[in-house]
Amino acid sequence: MKQLEKKGIKLLTTGPSRFRLVTHYGISSEDIHTTLVRLGEIMGSRS
């Protein structure tokens, strides 16, 4: 998931194929949308 970190998205790996994302105060709906789009791009490239 280093690709996400390079884009400023931090996550916690909880297992070989699991991870955790959390939001905090100040995270907007747009931030969440951007994160989901970037995650989809990266996950799609692994198919």
PDB file of N, CA and C in Angstrom:
ATOM      1  N   MET A   1       0.804  -1.193   0.000  1.00  0.00           N
ATOM      2  CA  MET A   1       0.000   0.000   0.000  1.00  0.00           C
ATOM      3  C   MET A   1       0.849   1.261   0.000  1.00  0.00           C
ATOM      4  N   LYS A   2       2.100   1.107  -0.347  1.00  0.00           N
ATOM      5  CA  LYS A   2       2.982   2.269  -0.433  1.00  0.00           C
ATOM      6  C   LYS A   2       2.506   3.252  -1.480  1.00  0.00           C
ATOM      7  N   GLN A   3       1.771   2.768  -2.475  1.00  0.00           N
ATOM      8  CA  GLN A   3       1.224   3.655  -3.501  1.00  0.00           C
ATOM      9  C   GLN A   3       0.251   4.655  -2.877  1.00  0.00           C
ATOM     10  N   LEU A   4      -0.540   4.218  -1.913  1.00  0.00           N
ATOM     11  CA  LEU A   4      -1.463   5.123  -1.234  1.00  0.00           C
ATOM     12  C   LEU A   4      -0.703   6.123  -0.372  1.00  0.00           C
ATOM     13  N   GLU A   5       0.322   5.653   0.326  1.00  0.00           N
ATOM     14  CA  GLU A   5       1.111   6.545   1.168  1.00  0.00           C
ATOM     15  C   GLU A   5       1.737   7.655   0.338  1.00  0.00           C
ATOM     16  N   LYS A   6       2.182   7.322  -0.867  1.00  0.00           N
ATOM     17  CA  LYS A   6       2.765   8.324  -1.760  1.00  0.00           C
ATOM     18  C   LYS A   6       1.739   9.391  -2.131  1.00  0.00           C
ATOM     19  N   LYS A   7       0.454   9.037  -2.065  1.00  0.00           N
ATOM     20  CA  LYS A   7      -0.616   9.974  -2.387  1.00  0.00           C
ATOM     21  C   LYS A   7      -1.190  10.626  -1.136  1.00  0.00           C
ATOM     22  N   GLY A   8      -0.532  10.412   0.015  1.00  0.00           N
ATOM     23  CA  GLY A   8      -0.948  11.060   1.251  1.00  0.00           C
ATOM     24  C   GLY A   8      -2.048  10.346   2.009  1.00  0.00           C
ATOM     25  N   ILE A   9      -2.282   9.081   1.676  1.00  0.00           N
ATOM     26  CA  ILE A   9      -3.329   8.304   2.339  1.00  0.00           C
ATOM     27  C   ILE A   9      -2.667   7.279   3.248  1.00  0.00           C
ATOM     28  N   LYS A  10      -2.960   7.372   4.535  1.00  0.00           N
ATOM     29  CA  LYS A  10      -2.354   6.469   5.513  1.00  0.00           C
ATOM     30  C   LYS A  10      -3.343   5.391   5.903  1.00  0.00           C
ATOM     31  N   LEU A  11      -2.831   4.187   6.134  1.00  0.00           N
ATOM     32  CA  LEU A  11      -3.671   3.082   6.576  1.00  0.00           C
ATOM     33  C   LEU A  11      -2.868   2.163   7.462  1.00  0.00           C
ATOM     34  N   LEU A  12      -3.585   1.332   8.185  1.00  0.00           N
ATOM     35  CA  LEU A  12      -2.963   0.364   9.079  1.00  0.00           C
ATOM     36  C   LEU A  12      -3.176  -1.025   8.510  1.00  0.00           C
ATOM     37  N   THR A  13      -2.103  -1.740   8.262  1.00  0.00           N
ATOM     38  CA  THR A  13      -2.209  -3.115   7.792  1.00  0.00           C
ATOM     39  C   THR A  13      -2.505  -4.004   8.990  1.00  0.00           C
ATOM     40  N   THR A  14      -3.579  -4.794   8.896  1.00  0.00           N
ATOM     41  CA  THR A  14      -3.975  -5.654  10.017  1.00  0.00           C
ATOM     42  C   THR A  14      -3.802  -7.131   9.710  1.00  0.00           C
ATOM     43  N   GLY A  15      -3.365  -7.451   8.513  1.00  0.00           N
ATOM     44  CA  GLY A  15      -3.144  -8.836   8.110  1.00  0.00           C
ATOM     45  C   GLY A  15      -2.621  -8.860   6.697  1.00  0.00           C
ATOM     46  N   PRO A  16      -2.318 -10.034   6.176  1.00  0.00           N
ATOM     47  CA  PRO A  16      -1.731 -10.129   4.845  1.00  0.00           C
ATOM     48  C   PRO A  16      -2.632  -9.571   3.731  1.00  0.00           C
ATOM     49  N   SER A  17      -3.922  -9.591   3.928  1.00  0.00           N
ATOM     50  CA  SER A  17      -4.830  -9.062   2.906  1.00  0.00           C
ATOM     51  C   SER A  17      -5.910  -8.173   3.530  1.00  0.00           C
ATOM     52  N   ARG A  18      -5.567  -7.545   4.664  1.00  0.00           N
ATOM     53  CA  ARG A  18      -6.527  -6.682   5.365  1.00  0.00           C
ATOM     54  C   ARG A  18      -5.856  -5.378   5.762  1.00  0.00           C
ATOM     55  N   PHE A  19      -6.659  -4.329   5.793  1.00  0.00           N
ATOM     56  CA  PHE A  19      -6.157  -3.047   6.246  1.00  0.00           C
ATOM     57  C   PHE A  19      -7.293  -2.254   6.882  1.00  0.00           C
ATOM     58  N   ARG A  20      -6.925  -1.180   7.563  1.00  0.00           N
ATOM     59  CA  ARG A  20      -7.914  -0.364   8.262  1.00  0.00           C
ATOM     60  C   ARG A  20      -7.672   1.098   7.919  1.00  0.00           C
ATOM     61  N   LEU A  21      -8.757   1.783   7.600  1.00  0.00           N
ATOM     62  CA  LEU A  21      -8.730   3.225   7.352  1.00  0.00           C
ATOM     63  C   LEU A  21      -9.677   3.881   8.345  1.00  0.00           C
ATOM     64  N   VAL A  22      -9.300   5.017   8.893  1.00  0.00           N
ATOM     65  CA  VAL A  22     -10.183   5.747   9.795  1.00  0.00           C
ATOM     66  C   VAL A  22     -10.232   7.204   9.361  1.00  0.00           C
ATOM     67  N   THR A  23     -11.285   7.885   9.766  1.00  0.00           N
ATOM     68  CA  THR A  23     -11.376   9.316   9.511  1.00  0.00           C
ATOM     69  C   THR A  23     -11.254  10.068  10.827  1.00  0.00           C
ATOM     70  N   HIS A  24     -10.926  11.306  10.719  1.00  0.00           N
ATOM     71  CA  HIS A  24     -10.782  12.168  11.874  1.00  0.00           C
ATOM     72  C   HIS A  24     -11.525  13.470  11.608  1.00  0.00           C
ATOM     73  N   TYR A  25     -11.693  14.255  12.638  1.00  0.00           N
ATOM     74  CA  TYR A  25     -12.311  15.568  12.511  1.00  0.00           C
ATOM     75  C   TYR A  25     -11.555  16.360  11.440  1.00  0.00           C
ATOM     76  N   GLY A  26     -12.266  16.996  10.572  1.00  0.00           N
ATOM     77  CA  GLY A  26     -11.628  17.794   9.532  1.00  0.00           C
ATOM     78  C   GLY A  26     -11.515  17.074   8.198  1.00  0.00           C
ATOM     79  N   ILE A  27     -11.836  15.786   8.163  1.00  0.00           N
ATOM     80  CA  ILE A  27     -11.827  15.027   6.912  1.00  0.00           C
ATOM     81  C   ILE A  27     -13.185  15.242   6.245  1.00  0.00           C
ATOM     82  N   SER A  28     -13.146  15.717   5.013  1.00  0.00           N
ATOM     83  CA  SER A  28     -14.391  16.056   4.317  1.00  0.00           C
ATOM     84  C   SER A  28     -14.911  14.885   3.484  1.00  0.00           C
ATOM     85  N   SER A  29     -16.121  15.014   3.020  1.00  0.00           N
ATOM     86  CA  SER A  29     -16.700  14.012   2.106  1.00  0.00           C
ATOM     87  C   SER A  29     -15.855  13.906   0.849  1.00  0.00           C
ATOM     88  N   GLU A  30     -15.336  15.032   0.383  1.00  0.00           N
ATOM     89  CA  GLU A  30     -14.475  15.036  -0.805  1.00  0.00           C
ATOM     90  C   GLU A  30     -13.184  14.251  -0.541  1.00  0.00           C
ATOM     91  N   ASP A  31     -12.617  14.396   0.659  1.00  0.00           N
ATOM     92  CA  ASP A  31     -11.415  13.630   1.021  1.00  0.00           C
ATOM     93  C   ASP A  31     -11.701  12.133   0.965  1.00  0.00           C
ATOM     94  N   ILE A  32     -12.840  11.732   1.468  1.00  0.00           N
ATOM     95  CA  ILE A  32     -13.221  10.317   1.472  1.00  0.00           C
ATOM     96  C   ILE A  32     -13.422   9.834   0.039  1.00  0.00           C
ATOM     97  N   HIS A  33     -14.093  10.627  -0.770  1.00  0.00           N
ATOM     98  CA  HIS A  33     -14.308  10.258  -2.174  1.00  0.00           C
ATOM     99  C   HIS A  33     -12.968  10.087  -2.893  1.00  0.00           C
ATOM    100  N   THR A  34     -12.065  11.035  -2.704  1.00  0.00           N
ATOM    101  CA  THR A  34     -10.740  10.959  -3.338  1.00  0.00           C
ATOM    102  C   THR A  34     -10.004   9.700  -2.906  1.00  0.00           C
ATOM    103  N   THR A  35     -10.067   9.382  -1.627  1.00  0.00           N
ATOM    104  CA  THR A  35      -9.415   8.179  -1.112  1.00  0.00           C
ATOM    105  C   THR A  35      -9.994   6.925  -1.753  1.00  0.00           C
ATOM    106  N   LEU A  36     -11.307   6.852  -1.859  1.00  0.00           N
ATOM    107  CA  LEU A  36     -11.944   5.676  -2.463  1.00  0.00           C
ATOM    108  C   LEU A  36     -11.584   5.540  -3.945  1.00  0.00           C
ATOM    109  N   VAL A  37     -11.518   6.661  -4.649  1.00  0.00           N
ATOM    110  CA  VAL A  37     -11.133   6.625  -6.066  1.00  0.00           C
ATOM    111  C   VAL A  37      -9.702   6.119  -6.201  1.00  0.00           C
ATOM    112  N   ARG A  38      -8.797   6.659  -5.408  1.00  0.00           N
ATOM    113  CA  ARG A  38      -7.387   6.237  -5.483  1.00  0.00           C
ATOM    114  C   ARG A  38      -7.221   4.778  -5.075  1.00  0.00           C
ATOM    115  N   LEU A  39      -7.929   4.353  -4.060  1.00  0.00           N
ATOM    116  CA  LEU A  39      -7.873   2.952  -3.641  1.00  0.00           C
ATOM    117  C   LEU A  39      -8.379   2.051  -4.766  1.00  0.00           C
ATOM    118  N   GLY A  40      -9.471   2.441  -5.395  1.00  0.00           N
ATOM    119  CA  GLY A  40     -10.011   1.673  -6.522  1.00  0.00           C
ATOM    120  C   GLY A  40      -9.037   1.589  -7.677  1.00  0.00           C
ATOM    121  N   GLU A  41      -8.336   2.687  -7.973  1.00  0.00           N
ATOM    122  CA  GLU A  41      -7.346   2.684  -9.047  1.00  0.00           C
ATOM    123  C   GLU A  41      -6.225   1.692  -8.756  1.00  0.00           C
ATOM    124  N   ILE A  42      -5.749   1.721  -7.524  1.00  0.00           N
ATOM    125  CA  ILE A  42      -4.636   0.834  -7.141  1.00  0.00           C
ATOM    126  C   ILE A  42      -5.100  -0.621  -7.106  1.00  0.00           C
ATOM    127  N   MET A  43      -6.245  -0.875  -6.507  1.00  0.00           N
ATOM    128  CA  MET A  43      -6.749  -2.245  -6.419  1.00  0.00           C
ATOM    129  C   MET A  43      -7.076  -2.783  -7.802  1.00  0.00           C
ATOM    130  N   GLY A  44      -7.586  -1.944  -8.680  1.00  0.00           N
ATOM    131  CA  GLY A  44      -7.886  -2.354 -10.042  1.00  0.00           C
ATOM    132  C   GLY A  44      -6.648  -2.737 -10.829  1.00  0.00           C
ATOM    133  N   SER A  45      -5.524  -2.089 -10.503  1.00  0.00           N
ATOM    134  CA  SER A  45      -4.294  -2.394 -11.219  1.00  0.00           C
ATOM    135  C   SER A  45      -3.694  -3.721 -10.807  1.00  0.00           C
ATOM    136  N   ARG A  46      -4.208  -4.308  -9.728  1.00  0.00           N
ATOM    137  CA  ARG A  46      -3.695  -5.597  -9.243  1.00  0.00           C
ATOM    138  C   ARG A  46      -4.474  -6.771  -9.811  1.00  0.00           C
ATOM    139  N   SER A  47      -5.568  -6.509 -10.523  1.00  0.00           N
ATOM    140  CA  SER A  47      -6.399  -7.598 -11.038  1.00  0.00           C
ATOM    141  C   SER A  47      -5.740  -8.276 -12.210  1.00  0.00           C
TER     142      SER A  47
END
